C-alpha atoms as a PDB file:
ATOM      1  CA  UNK A   1     133.158 131.147  81.474  1.00  0.00           C
ATOM      2  CA  UNK A   2     136.058 129.014  80.151  1.00  0.00           C
ATOM      3  CA  UNK A   3     137.400 130.309  76.835  1.00  0.00           C
ATOM      4  CA  UNK A   4     137.017 126.831  75.400  1.00  0.00           C
ATOM      5  CA  UNK A   5     133.272 127.430  75.207  1.00  0.00           C
ATOM      6  CA  UNK A   6     133.818 130.361  72.889  1.00  0.00           C
ATOM      7  CA  UNK A   7     134.528 128.072  69.932  1.00  0.00           C
ATOM      8  CA  UNK A   8     132.039 125.300  70.588  1.00  0.00           C
ATOM      9  CA  UNK A   9     129.695 124.021  67.870  1.00  0.00           C
ATOM     10  CA  UNK A  10     127.299 126.437  66.224  1.00  0.00           C
ATOM     11  CA  UNK A  11     124.805 123.569  65.903  1.00  0.00           C
ATOM     12  CA  UNK A  12     124.155 123.326  69.644  1.00  0.00           C
ATOM     13  CA  UNK A  13     120.395 123.697  69.325  1.00  0.00           C
ATOM     14  CA  UNK A  14     119.963 122.279  72.812  1.00  0.00           C
ATOM     15  CA  UNK A  15     121.711 125.387  74.144  1.00  0.00           C
ATOM     16  CA  UNK A  16     118.682 127.504  73.339  1.00  0.00           C
ATOM     17  CA  UNK A  17     116.331 124.974  74.870  1.00  0.00           C
ATOM     18  CA  UNK A  18     118.217 125.166  78.128  1.00  0.00           C
ATOM     19  CA  UNK A  19     117.632 128.912  78.283  1.00  0.00           C
ATOM     20  CA  UNK A  20     113.867 128.863  77.659  1.00  0.00           C
ATOM     21  CA  UNK A  21     112.826 129.567  81.246  1.00  0.00           C
ATOM     22  CA  UNK A  22     115.291 132.425  81.652  1.00  0.00           C
ATOM     23  CA  UNK A  23     114.367 133.822  78.251  1.00  0.00           C
ATOM     24  CA  UNK A  24     110.695 133.890  79.157  1.00  0.00           C
ATOM     25  CA  UNK A  25     111.291 135.750  82.431  1.00  0.00           C
ATOM     26  CA  UNK A  26     113.506 138.398  80.839  1.00  0.00           C
ATOM     27  CA  UNK A  27     111.184 138.866  77.886  1.00  0.00           C
ATOM     28  CA  UNK A  28     108.364 139.673  80.299  1.00  0.00           C
ATOM     29  CA  UNK A  29     110.536 142.320  81.961  1.00  0.00           C
ATOM     30  CA  UNK A  30     111.771 143.877  78.693  1.00  0.00           C
ATOM     31  CA  UNK A  31     110.483 147.267  77.600  1.00  0.00           C
ATOM     32  CA  UNK A  32     107.172 147.452  75.781  1.00  0.00           C
ATOM     33  CA  UNK A  33     108.950 148.606  72.643  1.00  0.00           C
ATOM     34  CA  UNK A  34     110.839 145.321  72.389  1.00  0.00           C
ATOM     35  CA  UNK A  35     107.682 143.271  72.706  1.00  0.00           C
ATOM     36  CA  UNK A  36     105.958 145.408  70.060  1.00  0.00           C
ATOM     37  CA  UNK A  37     108.935 144.993  67.739  1.00  0.00           C
ATOM     38  CA  UNK A  38     108.835 141.225  68.052  1.00  0.00           C
ATOM     39  CA  UNK A  39     105.088 141.218  67.373  1.00  0.00           C
ATOM     40  CA  UNK A  40     105.251 143.536  64.375  1.00  0.00           C
ATOM     41  CA  UNK A  41     107.261 141.780  61.631  1.00  0.00           C
ATOM     42  CA  UNK A  42     105.599 143.825  58.907  1.00  0.00           C
ATOM     43  CA  UNK A  43     107.137 147.186  59.702  1.00  0.00           C
ATOM     44  CA  UNK A  44     110.030 148.788  57.866  1.00  0.00           C
ATOM     45  CA  UNK A  45     112.700 146.910  59.821  1.00  0.00           C
ATOM     46  CA  UNK A  46     112.783 144.125  57.186  1.00  0.00           C
ATOM     47  CA  UNK A  47     115.298 145.992  55.040  1.00  0.00           C
ATOM     48  CA  UNK A  48     117.591 146.577  58.000  1.00  0.00           C
ATOM     49  CA  UNK A  49     117.426 142.917  59.062  1.00  0.00           C
ATOM     50  CA  UNK A  50     118.705 141.764  55.658  1.00  0.00           C
ATOM     51  CA  UNK A  51     120.918 144.724  54.661  1.00  0.00           C
ATOM     52  CA  UNK A  52     124.282 143.361  55.764  1.00  0.00           C
ATOM     53  CA  UNK A  53     123.917 139.715  54.756  1.00  0.00           C
ATOM     54  CA  UNK A  54     126.874 139.845  52.333  1.00  0.00           C
ATOM     55  CA  UNK A  55     129.012 141.898  54.748  1.00  0.00           C
ATOM     56  CA  UNK A  56     129.564 139.004  57.162  1.00  0.00           C
ATOM     57  CA  UNK A  57     131.922 136.191  56.166  1.00  0.00           C
ATOM     58  CA  UNK A  58     132.892 132.826  57.563  1.00  0.00           C
ATOM     59  CA  UNK A  59     136.380 132.544  59.059  1.00  0.00           C
ATOM     60  CA  UNK A  60     138.126 129.160  59.331  1.00  0.00           C
ATOM     61  CA  UNK A  61     141.613 128.771  60.758  1.00  0.00           C
ATOM     62  CA  UNK A  62     144.060 126.031  61.633  1.00  0.00           C
ATOM     63  CA  UNK A  63     146.667 126.573  64.335  1.00  0.00           C
ATOM     64  CA  UNK A  64     150.274 125.466  64.012  1.00  0.00           C
ATOM     65  CA  UNK A  65     151.226 122.110  65.481  1.00  0.00           C
ATOM     66  CA  UNK A  66     151.988 122.366  69.185  1.00  0.00           C
ATOM     67  CA  UNK A  67     150.275 125.754  69.499  1.00  0.00           C
ATOM     68  CA  UNK A  68     149.914 126.883  73.104  1.00  0.00           C
ATOM     69  CA  UNK A  69     146.414 128.187  72.391  1.00  0.00           C
ATOM     70  CA  UNK A  70     145.297 124.789  71.048  1.00  0.00           C
ATOM     71  CA  UNK A  71     145.106 123.518  74.630  1.00  0.00           C
ATOM     72  CA  UNK A  72     141.989 125.617  75.255  1.00  0.00           C
ATOM     73  CA  UNK A  73     140.782 126.590  71.770  1.00  0.00           C
ATOM     74  CA  UNK A  74     141.553 123.532  69.690  1.00  0.00           C
ATOM     75  CA  UNK A  75     143.659 123.402  66.544  1.00  0.00           C
ATOM     76  CA  UNK A  76     140.802 124.074  64.097  1.00  0.00           C
ATOM     77  CA  UNK A  77     138.499 127.037  64.727  1.00  0.00           C
ATOM     78  CA  UNK A  78     135.636 128.697  62.908  1.00  0.00           C
ATOM     79  CA  UNK A  79     133.420 131.709  63.317  1.00  0.00           C
ATOM     80  CA  UNK A  80     132.365 134.876  61.543  1.00  0.00           C
ATOM     81  CA  UNK A  81     134.030 138.098  60.494  1.00  0.00           C
ATOM     82  CA  UNK A  82     132.874 141.516  59.305  1.00  0.00           C
ATOM     83  CA  UNK A  83     134.111 143.241  56.142  1.00  0.00           C
ATOM     84  CA  UNK A  84     135.664 146.664  56.850  1.00  0.00           C
ATOM     85  CA  UNK A  85     136.981 147.258  53.324  1.00  0.00           C
ATOM     86  CA  UNK A  86     137.484 145.163  50.186  1.00  0.00           C
ATOM     87  CA  UNK A  87     140.310 143.160  51.773  1.00  0.00           C
ATOM     88  CA  UNK A  88     140.055 143.721  55.542  1.00  0.00           C
ATOM     89  CA  UNK A  89     137.940 141.585  57.880  1.00  0.00           C
ATOM     90  CA  UNK A  90     137.416 142.251  61.585  1.00  0.00           C
ATOM     91  CA  UNK A  91     136.803 139.237  63.813  1.00  0.00           C
ATOM     92  CA  UNK A  92     137.371 137.993  67.342  1.00  0.00           C
ATOM     93  CA  UNK A  93     141.040 137.407  67.977  1.00  0.00           C
ATOM     94  CA  UNK A  94     140.959 133.943  69.564  1.00  0.00           C
ATOM     95  CA  UNK A  95     140.086 132.502  66.159  1.00  0.00           C
ATOM     96  CA  UNK A  96     143.432 133.759  64.843  1.00  0.00           C
ATOM     97  CA  UNK A  97     145.847 132.938  67.650  1.00  0.00           C
ATOM     98  CA  UNK A  98     148.868 131.049  66.276  1.00  0.00           C
ATOM     99  CA  UNK A  99     147.047 130.483  62.970  1.00  0.00           C
ATOM    100  CA  UNK A 100     148.941 128.548  60.324  1.00  0.00           C
ATOM    101  CA  UNK A 101     146.273 128.911  57.655  1.00  0.00           C
ATOM    102  CA  UNK A 102     143.196 131.113  57.245  1.00  0.00           C
ATOM    103  CA  UNK A 103     140.294 130.837  54.810  1.00  0.00           C
ATOM    104  CA  UNK A 104     137.420 133.278  54.360  1.00  0.00           C
ATOM    105  CA  UNK A 105     134.114 132.191  52.846  1.00  0.00           C
ATOM    106  CA  UNK A 106     131.990 135.058  51.542  1.00  0.00           C
ATOM    107  CA  UNK A 107     128.200 135.163  51.598  1.00  0.00           C
ATOM    108  CA  UNK A 108     128.254 134.162  47.909  1.00  0.00           C
ATOM    109  CA  UNK A 109     130.210 131.022  48.747  1.00  0.00           C
ATOM    110  CA  UNK A 110     133.614 132.138  47.436  1.00  0.00           C
ATOM    111  CA  UNK A 111     136.539 130.703  49.405  1.00  0.00           C
ATOM    112  CA  UNK A 112     139.389 133.180  49.730  1.00  0.00           C
ATOM    113  CA  UNK A 113     142.761 132.646  51.435  1.00  0.00           C
ATOM    114  CA  UNK A 114     143.808 135.293  53.928  1.00  0.00           C
ATOM    115  CA  UNK A 115     146.604 136.357  56.250  1.00  0.00           C
ATOM    116  CA  UNK A 116     146.417 137.422  59.876  1.00  0.00           C
ATOM    117  CA  UNK A 117     146.958 141.187  59.744  1.00  0.00           C
ATOM    118  CA  UNK A 118     146.794 141.972  63.448  1.00  0.00           C
ATOM    119  CA  UNK A 119     145.826 140.784  66.904  1.00  0.00           C
ATOM    120  CA  UNK A 120     145.304 142.694  70.149  1.00  0.00           C
ATOM    121  CA  UNK A 121     145.179 140.765  73.409  1.00  0.00           C
ATOM    122  CA  UNK A 122     143.913 143.728  75.448  1.00  0.00           C
ATOM    123  CA  UNK A 123     140.698 144.106  73.429  1.00  0.00           C
ATOM    124  CA  UNK A 124     140.414 140.663  71.885  1.00  0.00           C
ATOM    125  CA  UNK A 125     140.146 141.940  68.308  1.00  0.00           C
ATOM    126  CA  UNK A 126     141.746 140.273  65.301  1.00  0.00           C
ATOM    127  CA  UNK A 127     142.161 141.497  61.726  1.00  0.00           C
ATOM    128  CA  UNK A 128     142.490 139.540  58.482  1.00  0.00           C
ATOM    129  CA  UNK A 129     143.686 140.631  55.040  1.00  0.00           C
ATOM    130  CA  UNK A 130     142.215 138.694  52.114  1.00  0.00           C
ATOM    131  CA  UNK A 131     144.629 137.890  49.297  1.00  0.00           C
ATOM    132  CA  UNK A 132     142.085 139.004  46.691  1.00  0.00           C
ATOM    133  CA  UNK A 133     139.240 141.539  46.967  1.00  0.00           C
ATOM    134  CA  UNK A 134     136.117 140.357  48.771  1.00  0.00           C
ATOM    135  CA  UNK A 135     132.751 140.451  47.045  1.00  0.00           C
ATOM    136  CA  UNK A 136     130.719 141.733  50.007  1.00  0.00           C
ATOM    137  CA  UNK A 137     129.995 145.290  51.097  1.00  0.00           C
ATOM    138  CA  UNK A 138     131.773 146.853  54.087  1.00  0.00           C
ATOM    139  CA  UNK A 139     129.866 147.838  57.227  1.00  0.00           C
ATOM    140  CA  UNK A 140     130.409 151.346  58.524  1.00  0.00           C
ATOM    141  CA  UNK A 141     131.826 151.483  62.057  1.00  0.00           C
ATOM    142  CA  UNK A 142     129.476 153.205  64.505  1.00  0.00           C
ATOM    143  CA  UNK A 143     129.753 154.586  68.031  1.00  0.00           C
ATOM    144  CA  UNK A 144     129.563 151.792  70.605  1.00  0.00           C
ATOM    145  CA  UNK A 145     129.724 154.245  73.505  1.00  0.00           C
ATOM    146  CA  UNK A 146     126.180 155.318  72.662  1.00  0.00           C
ATOM    147  CA  UNK A 147     124.759 151.800  73.060  1.00  0.00           C
ATOM    148  CA  UNK A 148     122.844 151.777  76.339  1.00  0.00           C
ATOM    149  CA  UNK A 149     120.956 149.260  78.446  1.00  0.00           C
ATOM    150  CA  UNK A 150     117.437 148.455  77.200  1.00  0.00           C
ATOM    151  CA  UNK A 151     118.394 149.407  73.651  1.00  0.00           C
ATOM    152  CA  UNK A 152     117.519 147.228  70.658  1.00  0.00           C
ATOM    153  CA  UNK A 153     120.395 145.974  68.506  1.00  0.00           C
ATOM    154  CA  UNK A 154     120.884 143.357  65.796  1.00  0.00           C
ATOM    155  CA  UNK A 155     123.342 140.510  65.427  1.00  0.00           C
ATOM    156  CA  UNK A 156     124.336 138.725  62.235  1.00  0.00           C
ATOM    157  CA  UNK A 157     126.639 135.738  61.825  1.00  0.00           C
ATOM    158  CA  UNK A 158     127.817 134.077  58.636  1.00  0.00           C
ATOM    159  CA  UNK A 159     125.212 131.898  56.942  1.00  0.00           C
ATOM    160  CA  UNK A 160     122.233 133.667  58.500  1.00  0.00           C
ATOM    161  CA  UNK A 161     119.606 134.976  56.114  1.00  0.00           C
ATOM    162  CA  UNK A 162     118.795 137.931  58.276  1.00  0.00           C
ATOM    163  CA  UNK A 163     119.902 139.601  61.470  1.00  0.00           C
ATOM    164  CA  UNK A 164     118.434 138.660  64.843  1.00  0.00           C
ATOM    165  CA  UNK A 165     116.995 141.348  67.098  1.00  0.00           C
ATOM    166  CA  UNK A 166     118.544 141.500  70.559  1.00  0.00           C
ATOM    167  CA  UNK A 167     118.119 143.547  73.703  1.00  0.00           C
ATOM    168  CA  UNK A 168     121.043 145.153  75.528  1.00  0.00           C
ATOM    169  CA  UNK A 169     121.027 143.806  79.080  1.00  0.00           C
ATOM    170  CA  UNK A 170     124.033 145.593  80.556  1.00  0.00           C
ATOM    171  CA  UNK A 171     127.390 147.353  80.046  1.00  0.00           C
ATOM    172  CA  UNK A 172     129.015 145.985  83.208  1.00  0.00           C
ATOM    173  CA  UNK A 173     132.720 145.012  83.308  1.00  0.00           C
ATOM    174  CA  UNK A 174     133.819 141.552  82.210  1.00  0.00           C
ATOM    175  CA  UNK A 175     136.847 139.627  83.437  1.00  0.00           C
ATOM    176  CA  UNK A 176     138.213 136.480  81.829  1.00  0.00           C
ATOM    177  CA  UNK A 177     140.447 134.002  83.569  1.00  0.00           C
ATOM    178  CA  UNK A 178     143.033 134.407  80.795  1.00  0.00           C
ATOM    179  CA  UNK A 179     144.173 137.854  82.109  1.00  0.00           C
ATOM    180  CA  UNK A 180     141.498 139.760  80.217  1.00  0.00           C
ATOM    181  CA  UNK A 181     139.341 142.692  81.309  1.00  0.00           C
ATOM    182  CA  UNK A 182     136.778 144.777  79.435  1.00  0.00           C
ATOM    183  CA  UNK A 183     135.351 147.736  81.324  1.00  0.00           C
ATOM    184  CA  UNK A 184     132.216 148.268  79.184  1.00  0.00           C
ATOM    185  CA  UNK A 185     131.409 145.305  76.946  1.00  0.00           C
ATOM    186  CA  UNK A 186     127.926 144.940  75.491  1.00  0.00           C
ATOM    187  CA  UNK A 187     125.831 142.110  76.964  1.00  0.00           C
ATOM    188  CA  UNK A 188     122.769 141.082  74.953  1.00  0.00           C
ATOM    189  CA  UNK A 189     119.708 138.858  75.288  1.00  0.00           C
ATOM    190  CA  UNK A 190     118.433 136.367  74.194  1.00  0.00           C
ATOM    191  CA  UNK A 191     121.577 134.265  73.756  1.00  0.00           C
ATOM    192  CA  UNK A 192     122.428 133.173  70.204  1.00  0.00           C
ATOM    193  CA  UNK A 193     124.606 130.262  69.113  1.00  0.00           C
ATOM    194  CA  UNK A 194     126.399 131.868  66.159  1.00  0.00           C
ATOM    195  CA  UNK A 195     128.343 134.415  68.212  1.00  0.00           C
ATOM    196  CA  UNK A 196     132.084 134.039  67.509  1.00  0.00           C
ATOM    197  CA  UNK A 197     133.110 137.028  65.396  1.00  0.00           C
ATOM    198  CA  UNK A 198     129.527 137.943  64.538  1.00  0.00           C
ATOM    199  CA  UNK A 199     128.448 141.531  63.897  1.00  0.00           C
ATOM    200  CA  UNK A 200     126.522 143.607  66.427  1.00  0.00           C
ATOM    201  CA  UNK A 201     124.644 146.320  64.558  1.00  0.00           C
ATOM    202  CA  UNK A 202     122.887 149.399  65.897  1.00  0.00           C
ATOM    203  CA  UNK A 203     119.438 150.435  64.720  1.00  0.00           C
ATOM    204  CA  UNK A 204     121.011 152.914  62.298  1.00  0.00           C
ATOM    205  CA  UNK A 205     122.780 150.034  60.528  1.00  0.00           C
ATOM    206  CA  UNK A 206     126.327 150.603  61.823  1.00  0.00           C
ATOM    207  CA  UNK A 207     128.740 148.124  63.379  1.00  0.00           C
ATOM    208  CA  UNK A 208     129.025 148.572  67.159  1.00  0.00           C
ATOM    209  CA  UNK A 209     130.477 145.263  68.370  1.00  0.00           C
ATOM    210  CA  UNK A 210     132.043 141.906  67.555  1.00  0.00           C
ATOM    211  CA  UNK A 211     130.767 138.708  69.148  1.00  0.00           C
ATOM    212  CA  UNK A 212     133.069 137.055  71.656  1.00  0.00           C
ATOM    213  CA  UNK A 213     131.338 134.792  74.168  1.00  0.00           C
ATOM    214  CA  UNK A 214     128.189 133.220  75.483  1.00  0.00           C
ATOM    215  CA  UNK A 215     127.847 133.905  79.208  1.00  0.00           C
ATOM    216  CA  UNK A 216     125.562 132.752  81.995  1.00  0.00           C
ATOM    217  CA  UNK A 217     125.346 136.031  83.930  1.00  0.00           C
ATOM    218  CA  UNK A 218     124.685 138.853  81.464  1.00  0.00           C
ATOM    219  CA  UNK A 219     122.410 141.130  83.497  1.00  0.00           C
ATOM    220  CA  UNK A 220     123.574 143.717  86.001  1.00  0.00           C
ATOM    221  CA  UNK A 221     120.461 143.701  88.196  1.00  0.00           C
ATOM    222  CA  UNK A 222     119.793 139.966  88.574  1.00  0.00           C
ATOM    223  CA  UNK A 223     121.832 136.760  88.508  1.00  0.00           C
ATOM    224  CA  UNK A 224     121.723 133.747  86.220  1.00  0.00           C
ATOM    225  CA  UNK A 225     120.455 135.454  83.063  1.00  0.00           C
ATOM    226  CA  UNK A 226     122.281 134.032  80.007  1.00  0.00           C
ATOM    227  CA  UNK A 227     123.361 136.149  77.067  1.00  0.00           C
ATOM    228  CA  UNK A 228     126.182 137.048  74.701  1.00  0.00           C
ATOM    229  CA  UNK A 229     129.134 139.361  75.146  1.00  0.00           C
ATOM    230  CA  UNK A 230     130.230 141.676  72.329  1.00  0.00           C
ATOM    231  CA  UNK A 231     133.485 143.642  72.257  1.00  0.00           C
ATOM    232  CA  UNK A 232     132.683 147.342  71.572  1.00  0.00           C
ATOM    233  CA  UNK A 233     134.125 148.726  68.320  1.00  0.00           C
ATOM    234  CA  UNK A 234     135.217 152.000  69.932  1.00  0.00           C
ATOM    235  CA  UNK A 235     138.083 149.989  71.439  1.00  0.00           C
ATOM    236  CA  UNK A 236     139.272 149.315  67.890  1.00  0.00           C
ATOM    237  CA  UNK A 237     139.366 152.896  66.656  1.00  0.00           C
ATOM    238  CA  UNK A 238     142.595 154.035  68.435  1.00  0.00           C
ATOM    239  CA  UNK A 239     144.525 150.905  67.392  1.00  0.00           C
ATOM    240  CA  UNK A 240     143.172 150.065  63.924  1.00  0.00           C
ATOM    241  CA  UNK A 241     145.936 151.848  62.002  1.00  0.00           C
ATOM    242  CA  UNK A 242     148.605 150.214  64.185  1.00  0.00           C
ATOM    243  CA  UNK A 243     147.153 146.730  63.725  1.00  0.00           C
ATOM    244  CA  UNK A 244     147.089 147.142  59.950  1.00  0.00           C
ATOM    245  CA  UNK A 245     150.579 148.632  59.812  1.00  0.00           C
ATOM    246  CA  UNK A 246     152.493 146.420  62.243  1.00  0.00           C
ATOM    247  CA  UNK A 247     150.099 143.698  63.445  1.00  0.00           C
ATOM    248  CA  UNK A 248     149.848 145.059  66.992  1.00  0.00           C
ATOM    249  CA  UNK A 249     149.104 148.248  68.905  1.00  0.00           C
ATOM    250  CA  UNK A 250     151.966 150.702  69.295  1.00  0.00           C
ATOM    251  CA  UNK A 251     153.651 151.348  72.631  1.00  0.00           C
ATOM    252  CA  UNK A 252     154.699 149.024  75.458  1.00  0.00           C
ATOM    253  CA  UNK A 253     153.027 145.640  75.684  1.00  0.00           C
ATOM    254  CA  UNK A 254     150.660 144.810  78.523  1.00  0.00           C
ATOM    255  CA  UNK A 255     152.277 142.637  81.238  1.00  0.00           C
ATOM    256  CA  UNK A 256     151.272 138.974  81.269  1.00  0.00           C
ATOM    257  CA  UNK A 257     151.951 136.248  83.832  1.00  0.00           C
ATOM    258  CA  UNK A 258     150.313 133.163  82.332  1.00  0.00           C
ATOM    259  CA  UNK A 259     147.977 132.750  85.292  1.00  0.00           C
ATOM    260  CA  UNK A 260     144.347 131.617  84.995  1.00  0.00           C
ATOM    261  CA  UNK A 261     142.249 132.371  88.064  1.00  0.00           C
ATOM    262  CA  UNK A 262     138.708 132.013  89.367  1.00  0.00           C
ATOM    263  CA  UNK A 263     137.001 133.354  92.470  1.00  0.00           C
ATOM    264  CA  UNK A 264     136.268 130.337  94.676  1.00  0.00           C
ATOM    265  CA  UNK A 265     134.455 130.922  97.983  1.00  0.00           C
ATOM    266  CA  UNK A 266     135.658 134.512  98.069  1.00  0.00           C
ATOM    267  CA  UNK A 267     139.291 133.692  97.244  1.00  0.00           C
ATOM    268  CA  UNK A 268     141.170 134.272  93.989  1.00  0.00           C
ATOM    269  CA  UNK A 269     142.374 130.776  93.195  1.00  0.00           C
ATOM    270  CA  UNK A 270     144.836 129.726  90.505  1.00  0.00           C
ATOM    271  CA  UNK A 271     143.098 127.163  88.299  1.00  0.00           C
ATOM    272  CA  UNK A 272     145.688 126.823  85.539  1.00  0.00           C
ATOM    273  CA  UNK A 273     149.229 127.945  84.826  1.00  0.00           C
ATOM    274  CA  UNK A 274     150.275 128.446  81.220  1.00  0.00           C
ATOM    275  CA  UNK A 275     153.116 126.446  79.797  1.00  0.00           C
ATOM    276  CA  UNK A 276     156.264 128.600  79.470  1.00  0.00           C
ATOM    277  CA  UNK A 277     154.639 131.490  81.382  1.00  0.00           C
ATOM    278  CA  UNK A 278     156.401 133.511  84.101  1.00  0.00           C
ATOM    279  CA  UNK A 279     154.039 132.364  86.872  1.00  0.00           C
ATOM    280  CA  UNK A 280     154.715 128.684  86.293  1.00  0.00           C
ATOM    281  CA  UNK A 281     158.439 129.251  85.963  1.00  0.00           C
ATOM    282  CA  UNK A 282     158.418 131.120  89.302  1.00  0.00           C
ATOM    283  CA  UNK A 283     156.724 128.258  91.165  1.00  0.00           C
ATOM    284  CA  UNK A 284     153.095 129.415  91.278  1.00  0.00           C
ATOM    285  CA  UNK A 285     150.794 126.462  90.773  1.00  0.00           C
ATOM    286  CA  UNK A 286     147.223 125.286  90.562  1.00  0.00           C
ATOM    287  CA  UNK A 287     145.358 125.672  93.846  1.00  0.00           C
ATOM    288  CA  UNK A 288     147.424 128.609  95.101  1.00  0.00           C
ATOM    289  CA  UNK A 289     145.478 131.633  96.373  1.00  0.00           C
ATOM    290  CA  UNK A 290     146.516 135.052  95.037  1.00  0.00           C
ATOM    291  CA  UNK A 291     146.502 137.571  97.909  1.00  0.00           C
ATOM    292  CA  UNK A 292     148.301 140.700  96.700  1.00  0.00           C
ATOM    293  CA  UNK A 293     150.228 142.351  93.853  1.00  0.00           C
ATOM    294  CA  UNK A 294     153.198 144.509  94.913  1.00  0.00           C
ATOM    295  CA  UNK A 295     151.724 144.750  98.400  1.00  0.00           C
ATOM    296  CA  UNK A 296     148.204 145.728  97.256  1.00  0.00           C
ATOM    297  CA  UNK A 297     145.556 143.214  98.304  1.00  0.00           C
ATOM    298  CA  UNK A 298     143.361 141.750  95.562  1.00  0.00           C
ATOM    299  CA  UNK A 299     140.228 139.682  95.995  1.00  0.00           C
ATOM    300  CA  UNK A 300     138.887 139.234  92.478  1.00  0.00           C
ATOM    301  CA  UNK A 301     140.087 139.142  88.887  1.00  0.00           C
ATOM    302  CA  UNK A 302     139.350 142.788  88.108  1.00  0.00           C
ATOM    303  CA  UNK A 303     141.398 143.995  91.100  1.00  0.00           C
ATOM    304  CA  UNK A 304     144.176 141.567  90.179  1.00  0.00           C
ATOM    305  CA  UNK A 305     144.436 142.722  86.555  1.00  0.00           C
ATOM    306  CA  UNK A 306     144.163 146.429  87.294  1.00  0.00           C
ATOM    307  CA  UNK A 307     146.870 146.200  89.936  1.00  0.00           C
ATOM    308  CA  UNK A 308     149.112 144.058  87.727  1.00  0.00           C
ATOM    309  CA  UNK A 309     148.811 146.447  84.788  1.00  0.00           C
ATOM    310  CA  UNK A 310     149.633 149.397  87.069  1.00  0.00           C
ATOM    311  CA  UNK A 311     153.041 147.884  87.848  1.00  0.00           C
ATOM    312  CA  UNK A 312     154.372 148.795  84.420  1.00  0.00           C
ATOM    313  CA  UNK A 313     154.683 147.330  80.911  1.00  0.00           C
ATOM    314  CA  UNK A 314     155.702 143.804  80.030  1.00  0.00           C
ATOM    315  CA  UNK A 315     159.182 143.104  81.401  1.00  0.00           C
ATOM    316  CA  UNK A 316     158.553 144.801  84.745  1.00  0.00           C
ATOM    317  CA  UNK A 317     159.343 142.864  87.907  1.00  0.00           C
ATOM    318  CA  UNK A 318     156.333 142.266  90.152  1.00  0.00           C
ATOM    319  CA  UNK A 319     155.811 140.578  93.516  1.00  0.00           C
ATOM    320  CA  UNK A 320     152.827 138.249  93.861  1.00  0.00           C
ATOM    321  CA  UNK A 321     151.802 137.224  97.379  1.00  0.00           C
ATOM    322  CA  UNK A 322     150.215 133.782  97.380  1.00  0.00           C
ATOM    323  CA  UNK A 323     148.913 131.293  99.897  1.00  0.00           C
ATOM    324  CA  UNK A 324     150.638 128.080  98.880  1.00  0.00           C
ATOM    325  CA  UNK A 325     150.134 124.790 100.734  1.00  0.00           C
ATOM    326  CA  UNK A 326     149.230 126.603 103.929  1.00  0.00           C
ATOM    327  CA  UNK A 327     152.076 129.131 103.857  1.00  0.00           C
ATOM    328  CA  UNK A 328     152.126 132.730 102.619  1.00  0.00           C
ATOM    329  CA  UNK A 329     154.882 133.342 100.068  1.00  0.00           C
ATOM    330  CA  UNK A 330     156.119 136.469  98.313  1.00  0.00           C
ATOM    331  CA  UNK A 331     157.090 135.410  94.794  1.00  0.00           C
ATOM    332  CA  UNK A 332     159.000 137.856  92.642  1.00  0.00           C
ATOM    333  CA  UNK A 333     158.829 137.371  88.890  1.00  0.00           C
ATOM    334  CA  UNK A 334     159.192 139.322  85.681  1.00  0.00           C
ATOM    335  CA  UNK A 335     156.097 139.791  83.508  1.00  0.00           C
ATOM    336  CA  UNK A 336     156.340 139.275  79.754  1.00  0.00           C
ATOM    337  CA  UNK A 337     154.518 140.173  76.554  1.00  0.00           C
ATOM    338  CA  UNK A 338     152.036 137.376  75.883  1.00  0.00           C
ATOM    339  CA  UNK A 339     153.156 137.309  72.238  1.00  0.00           C
ATOM    340  CA  UNK A 340     156.532 135.931  73.382  1.00  0.00           C
ATOM    341  CA  UNK A 341     155.060 132.494  74.100  1.00  0.00           C
ATOM    342  CA  UNK A 342     152.720 132.280  71.113  1.00  0.00           C
ATOM    343  CA  UNK A 343     153.709 131.018  67.690  1.00  0.00           C
ATOM    344  CA  UNK A 344     153.634 133.894  65.246  1.00  0.00           C
ATOM    345  CA  UNK A 345     150.607 133.710  62.912  1.00  0.00           C
ATOM    346  CA  UNK A 346     151.932 132.581  59.554  1.00  0.00           C
ATOM    347  CA  UNK A 347     148.829 133.117  57.410  1.00  0.00           C
ATOM    348  CA  UNK A 348     148.843 131.103  54.187  1.00  0.00           C
END
């Protein structure tokens, strides 16, 4: 799914209507426990559904003029975030890319300026630091590795009076055309509109994921089932201290080429080349077919990214074999750290 869709309007009521048929078929196939839960609103789950209402905030950002990310995400962005402590908010990172200003709105309606504290391209997480203490309660971070298919979870976005019950459809890998790969994201059903930066909460009331996308193929055992994708919080645990201390994870940066691809009729086709990226500078263009990385054949995005990241950290030279205008070419280029072409978040 194009990343542009990740920040589309939260008022797209027609989106749900378009998923009615798929929703009905999956609901029939869901475990009996899920159906009983939906039919039994009087049981003790009421407290859990409303427990974290003041722990989820609204996040509004404005990107700097001429921001590279504005081409796909727009200059103004909004979504949700989750309070980790009195000043720290966890959200989805695309809301924060090249942000010039950031404002947090608490559940009580307070508007609080904030700074971008950290961003991690590999996971997609972003962190904010409020300039004054927040008035909501933090959510305890849980264990996302324990979230399994067919499990019930909850999601809560800013402005919602209570959490929405969801059903975990799969933990299959996800690849994004923007050089992004998650091995075990959490796919949920039914799809919800208020997903960007929203909280995914386990049945014991702990945070297990952050909302990232709406997708049209969320199931692992059948095609065409819509849902949402959440980034698992266990990916945050090893890098949280680094993000708060320096704004990024420690160690070498992941290599980046500035190459957006899609699988078209079994071929990995270049659909967009980023401005000022190594791929464009080296002569790779839209419509080229990616065939191999350093001599290793690749046929889809996951193979492409895994092979690229095996070549070494950002700054490593890599050879990309492409089919370009009917001829096979070996193009040698040097990968970079994606942060090199993005305007540094300035906060407020």
